[in-house]
Amino acid sequence: MLSSSSQFERNAWSTIDLLEQSRCKAASSRHKGLLLIDHVGHILALCRTRAHVRARTRRMLSDLSMLSDHTLRDIGINRPDLQWEASKPFWRA
C-alpha cells in the first residue's frame, strides 16, 4: 500500500513537473514572440522616421529649386548639386 501511494505521488509530481516545463516553454515562446513584435515595431518606427526625414528633405529641395542661381550661390549651393541631390532615389538619400 505504501509503495503504490509513493508511486502515485511520484507520478503526480512528475506530471506536475511536466506541466510546469510545458508552461515555462509556452511562456518563453510568448516572450520571444513579444520580443520579435517589439523588434518589428522598432524597425517600422525607424522606417517611418526615415520616410518623414526624406519627405522633409524633398520639400526643402523643391523649395530651393525655386530660388534663382544668384540666391543659391549666396547660400553656397549650385544648381547641379541641387539637381543631383534631388535625383537620388530614396534608398540612397
Foldseek 3Di string as FASTA:
>chain_A
DVVVVVVVVVVVVVVVVVVVVVVVVVVVVVVVVVVVVVVVVVVVVVVVVLVVVVVVVLVVLVVVQPDDQVVCVVVPHGDVVSVVVNPDPSVVD
